[in-house]
Amino acid sequence: MSSASEKDVKEAARRREIERRAIAPTRGVASLVRSLTEGTARPKAKEQEVLDVATEYFLEHGYQGASINAMARSSGISKESIYRYFSSKKQLFEAVIGRELVEYRSALEHLDSILKTLELRAALIMVVETTLALITTDRTLALRRLIFDEATRSPDVGQHYYKIGPVRAYNVLQKVFETHEYKSDFDVPKLSEHFVALMSWKMTLERQCAVRAQPTAEEISAHAAVFVDDFMKAFLKSR
């Protein structure tokens, strides 16, 4: 092949790559969450179907163990359909994580609006029940393992999960303590940190280590009531 022909082939390949990226531009998790939240990048029905399939596939095989070809074969969705919306496995993974984070943030915002109407004890119990019901499920545990594993290679994935998940949860809880005039030797941010750590560490650790099955709603409610009463006695002073 002549040097001129080689240049033509390389140039054609370069143009195809540019066109492919123009159709499905690379987006980070942060920009994906922002665009999804603002409604500027709502997935189409077929794109939602691809994301549904990809979510389950990533949860089963992990990021490193997943491939677009295998995903297409096992799901019945054509490889072309996947690449129509996502230019790479990384972009597809980021879209999966972005969608999950948007749903989680919406749940926190809904919880925040309800907590404003409750007395402190009832509000704290609802925080525990809602949090544990979410973070102790098999799906959430698998998703967090997936995020934590990928965060070692792509720190932005873990950093944005932390910003959308734990940080927003702390903010919701801080509003609860700020709304009520209970005094404590701890400031509100530190009080919130202690509450989150103590309410979930044992049950979450047991789930992660496969020591216990997913707790029932009744078990979570019983734990929440006892924990909140103990926490208020230990950390809060009477009015």
Protein backbone atom coordinates (compact mmCIF):
# COMPACT_ATOMS: atom_id res chain seq x y z
CA MET A 1 0.00 0.00 0.00
CA SER A 2 1.39 3.43 -0.92
CA SER A 3 2.04 6.08 1.69
CA ALA A 4 -0.71 8.20 0.13
CA SER A 5 -3.21 5.35 0.47
CA GLU A 6 -2.18 4.78 4.10
CA LYS A 7 -2.75 8.44 4.84
CA ASP A 8 -6.20 8.25 3.23
CA VAL A 9 -7.13 5.22 5.36
CA LYS A 10 -5.91 6.91 8.56
CA GLU A 11 -7.72 10.11 7.69
CA ALA A 12 -10.97 8.22 7.01
CA ALA A 13 -10.64 6.39 10.33
CA ARG A 14 -9.99 9.68 12.12
CA ARG A 15 -13.11 11.24 10.60
CA ARG A 16 -15.25 8.24 11.58
CA GLU A 17 -14.04 8.54 15.15
CA ILE A 18 -14.86 12.25 15.21
CA GLU A 19 -18.35 11.56 13.85
CA ARG A 20 -18.90 8.77 16.39
CA ARG A 21 -17.94 11.07 19.25
CA ALA A 22 -20.19 13.80 17.90
CA ILE A 23 -23.15 11.44 17.96
CA ALA A 24 -22.40 10.15 21.47
CA PRO A 25 -20.07 12.62 23.24
CA THR A 26 -18.15 11.49 26.31
CA ARG A 27 -19.76 12.73 29.52
CA GLY A 28 -18.56 12.48 33.08
CA VAL A 29 -20.79 11.31 35.90
CA ALA A 30 -21.15 14.84 37.28
CA SER A 31 -22.31 16.36 34.00
CA LEU A 32 -24.61 13.39 33.38
CA VAL A 33 -26.32 13.81 36.74
CA ARG A 34 -26.66 17.54 36.16
CA SER A 35 -28.18 17.12 32.69
CA LEU A 36 -30.53 14.36 33.84
CA THR A 37 -31.69 16.44 36.79
CA GLU A 38 -32.27 19.52 34.65
CA GLY A 39 -34.17 17.49 32.08
CA THR A 40 -31.77 18.31 29.24
CA ALA A 41 -30.79 14.69 28.62
CA ARG A 42 -33.81 12.56 29.43
CA PRO A 43 -33.14 9.05 28.07
CA LYS A 44 -35.41 7.94 25.23
CA ALA A 45 -37.41 4.73 25.61
CA LYS A 46 -34.85 2.63 23.74
CA GLU A 47 -32.01 4.28 25.64
CA GLN A 48 -33.78 3.47 28.92
CA GLU A 49 -34.02 -0.14 27.78
CA VAL A 50 -30.28 -0.21 27.09
CA LEU A 51 -29.60 1.30 30.52
CA ASP A 52 -31.87 -1.24 32.23
CA VAL A 53 -30.03 -4.11 30.58
CA ALA A 54 -26.60 -2.57 31.24
CA THR A 55 -27.38 -1.97 34.92
CA GLU A 56 -28.21 -5.60 35.57
CA TYR A 57 -25.26 -6.78 33.49
CA PHE A 58 -22.76 -4.55 35.31
CA LEU A 59 -24.18 -5.61 38.68
CA GLU A 60 -23.73 -9.28 37.73
CA HIS A 61 -20.35 -9.11 36.01
CA GLY A 62 -18.72 -5.94 37.36
CA TYR A 63 -17.19 -3.25 35.20
CA GLN A 64 -14.00 -5.10 34.30
CA GLY A 65 -15.85 -8.32 33.56
CA ALA A 66 -18.41 -6.69 31.27
CA SER A 67 -18.15 -6.28 27.52
CA ILE A 68 -20.48 -4.62 25.06
CA ASN A 69 -20.42 -7.68 22.78
CA ALA A 70 -21.34 -10.11 25.56
CA MET A 71 -23.97 -7.70 26.89
CA ALA A 72 -25.59 -7.50 23.47
CA ARG A 73 -25.56 -11.28 23.00
CA SER A 74 -27.07 -12.04 26.39
CA SER A 75 -29.76 -9.35 26.26
CA GLY A 76 -30.95 -9.56 22.67
CA ILE A 77 -30.25 -5.86 22.16
CA SER A 78 -28.06 -5.27 19.14
CA LYS A 79 -24.56 -3.91 19.59
CA GLU A 80 -25.48 -1.16 17.14
CA SER A 81 -28.34 -0.04 19.42
CA ILE A 82 -25.95 0.27 22.36
CA TYR A 83 -23.37 2.23 20.37
CA ARG A 84 -26.10 4.49 19.00
CA TYR A 85 -26.41 6.03 22.46
CA PHE A 86 -23.08 5.25 24.13
CA SER A 87 -19.67 5.45 22.49
CA SER A 88 -17.85 3.19 24.94
CA LYS A 89 -18.25 0.85 27.90
CA LYS A 90 -17.05 3.63 30.20
CA GLN A 91 -19.68 6.06 28.95
CA LEU A 92 -22.37 3.40 29.34
CA PHE A 93 -21.20 2.67 32.89
CA GLU A 94 -21.22 6.38 33.76
CA ALA A 95 -24.77 6.68 32.43
CA VAL A 96 -25.87 3.73 34.58
CA ILE A 97 -24.31 5.29 37.70
CA GLY A 98 -25.65 8.73 36.80
CA ARG A 99 -29.22 7.48 36.50
CA GLU A 100 -29.01 5.63 39.81
CA LEU A 101 -27.67 8.74 41.55
CA VAL A 102 -30.44 10.92 40.16
CA GLU A 103 -33.05 8.52 41.53
CA TYR A 104 -31.30 8.45 44.90
CA ARG A 105 -31.10 12.22 45.07
CA SER A 106 -34.80 12.51 44.24
CA ALA A 107 -35.60 10.13 47.10
CA LEU A 108 -33.55 12.26 49.51
CA GLU A 109 -35.27 15.45 48.39
CA HIS A 110 -38.67 13.81 48.91
CA LEU A 111 -37.60 12.66 52.37
CA ASP A 112 -36.37 16.16 53.20
CA SER A 113 -39.78 17.65 52.42
CA ILE A 114 -41.56 15.16 54.71
CA LEU A 115 -39.16 15.52 57.65
CA LYS A 116 -39.96 19.23 57.99
CA THR A 117 -43.47 18.35 59.20
CA LEU A 118 -42.42 15.88 61.94
CA GLU A 119 -41.32 16.11 65.54
CA LEU A 120 -37.64 15.30 66.16
CA ARG A 121 -38.03 11.69 67.33
CA ALA A 122 -40.39 10.79 64.50
CA ALA A 123 -38.12 12.52 61.98
CA LEU A 124 -35.02 10.66 63.19
CA ILE A 125 -36.84 7.33 63.13
CA MET A 126 -37.91 8.00 59.55
CA VAL A 127 -34.32 8.83 58.59
CA VAL A 128 -33.11 5.50 60.00
CA GLU A 129 -35.93 3.47 58.44
CA THR A 130 -35.55 5.08 55.02
CA THR A 131 -31.76 4.84 55.00
CA LEU A 132 -31.50 1.24 56.16
CA ALA A 133 -34.30 0.10 53.87
CA LEU A 134 -32.23 1.42 50.97
CA ILE A 135 -28.61 0.61 51.84
CA THR A 136 -29.17 -2.96 53.09
CA THR A 137 -30.75 -4.31 49.90
CA ASP A 138 -28.85 -6.75 47.72
CA ARG A 139 -29.11 -4.33 44.79
CA THR A 140 -27.67 -1.35 46.67
CA LEU A 141 -24.84 -3.42 48.14
CA ALA A 142 -23.95 -4.70 44.67
CA LEU A 143 -24.13 -1.21 43.20
CA ARG A 144 -21.87 0.24 45.91
CA ARG A 145 -19.32 -2.54 45.39
CA LEU A 146 -19.37 -1.71 41.69
CA ILE A 147 -18.87 2.01 42.34
CA PHE A 148 -16.13 1.50 44.93
CA ASP A 149 -14.25 -0.90 42.66
CA GLU A 150 -14.37 1.48 39.68
CA ALA A 151 -13.48 4.47 41.88
CA THR A 152 -9.98 3.01 42.28
CA ARG A 153 -9.49 3.54 38.53
CA SER A 154 -11.78 6.53 37.98
CA PRO A 155 -11.85 8.64 41.16
CA ASP A 156 -14.50 10.97 39.73
CA VAL A 157 -17.03 8.11 39.88
CA GLY A 158 -16.48 7.61 43.62
CA GLN A 159 -16.22 11.32 44.34
CA HIS A 160 -19.53 12.11 42.70
CA TYR A 161 -21.24 9.18 44.41
CA TYR A 162 -19.99 10.56 47.73
CA LYS A 163 -21.26 14.04 46.87
CA ILE A 164 -24.71 12.87 45.74
CA GLY A 165 -25.14 10.13 48.36
CA PRO A 166 -23.49 10.51 51.80
CA VAL A 167 -22.99 14.29 51.66
CA ARG A 168 -26.61 14.98 50.71
CA ALA A 169 -27.79 12.54 53.38
CA TYR A 170 -25.73 14.45 55.96
CA ASN A 171 -27.27 17.71 54.75
CA VAL A 172 -30.79 16.35 55.13
CA LEU A 173 -30.03 15.19 58.66
CA GLN A 174 -28.41 18.50 59.61
CA LYS A 175 -31.61 20.30 58.63
CA VAL A 176 -33.53 18.02 60.99
CA PHE A 177 -31.30 18.90 63.95
CA GLU A 178 -31.25 22.59 63.04
CA THR A 179 -35.04 22.73 62.83
CA HIS A 180 -35.47 21.51 66.42
CA GLU A 181 -34.22 23.42 69.42
CA TYR A 182 -32.60 20.53 71.26
CA LYS A 183 -29.21 21.43 72.69
CA SER A 184 -26.18 19.20 72.55
CA ASP A 185 -22.51 19.33 73.46
CA PHE A 186 -21.88 18.59 69.78
CA ASP A 187 -22.39 21.02 66.92
CA VAL A 188 -24.91 20.04 64.26
CA PRO A 189 -22.43 18.71 61.63
CA LYS A 190 -20.65 16.50 64.18
CA LEU A 191 -23.97 15.36 65.65
CA SER A 192 -25.13 14.34 62.18
CA GLU A 193 -21.92 12.42 61.52
CA HIS A 194 -22.29 10.47 64.77
CA PHE A 195 -25.93 9.71 64.03
CA VAL A 196 -25.26 8.35 60.54
CA ALA A 197 -22.27 6.28 61.66
CA LEU A 198 -23.99 4.73 64.67
CA MET A 199 -27.34 4.04 63.04
CA SER A 200 -26.01 1.90 60.22
CA TRP A 201 -22.51 0.55 60.80
CA LYS A 202 -23.38 -2.79 62.43
CA MET A 203 -26.27 -3.76 60.16
CA THR A 204 -24.41 -2.64 57.05
CA LEU A 205 -21.24 -4.52 58.06
CA GLU A 206 -23.27 -7.67 58.73
CA ARG A 207 -24.83 -7.41 55.28
CA GLN A 208 -21.49 -6.78 53.55
CA CYS A 209 -19.94 -9.77 55.31
CA ALA A 210 -22.97 -11.99 54.56
CA VAL A 211 -23.53 -12.48 58.27
CA ARG A 212 -27.23 -11.69 58.00
CA ALA A 213 -29.96 -11.69 55.37
CA GLN A 214 -31.64 -8.53 54.18
CA PRO A 215 -33.56 -7.18 57.21
CA THR A 216 -37.33 -7.01 57.10
CA ALA A 217 -39.25 -3.77 57.47
CA GLU A 218 -40.27 -4.87 60.97
CA GLU A 219 -36.65 -5.50 61.98
CA ILE A 220 -35.57 -2.11 60.65
CA SER A 221 -38.41 -0.32 62.45
CA ALA A 222 -37.60 -2.02 65.75
CA HIS A 223 -33.93 -1.12 65.39
CA ALA A 224 -34.79 2.49 64.47
CA ALA A 225 -36.98 3.07 67.53
CA VAL A 226 -34.44 1.67 70.01
CA PHE A 227 -31.50 3.42 68.38
CA VAL A 228 -33.18 6.86 68.22
CA ASP A 229 -34.24 6.68 71.86
CA ASP A 230 -30.70 5.71 72.93
CA PHE A 231 -29.15 8.40 70.74
CA MET A 232 -31.39 11.15 72.10
CA LYS A 233 -30.58 10.13 75.68
CA ALA A 234 -26.85 10.07 75.02
CA PHE A 235 -26.38 13.06 72.72
CA LEU A 236 -29.25 15.48 73.31
CA LYS A 237 -30.26 17.49 76.34
CA SER A 238 -33.83 18.18 77.39
CA ARG A 239 -35.41 21.40 76.17
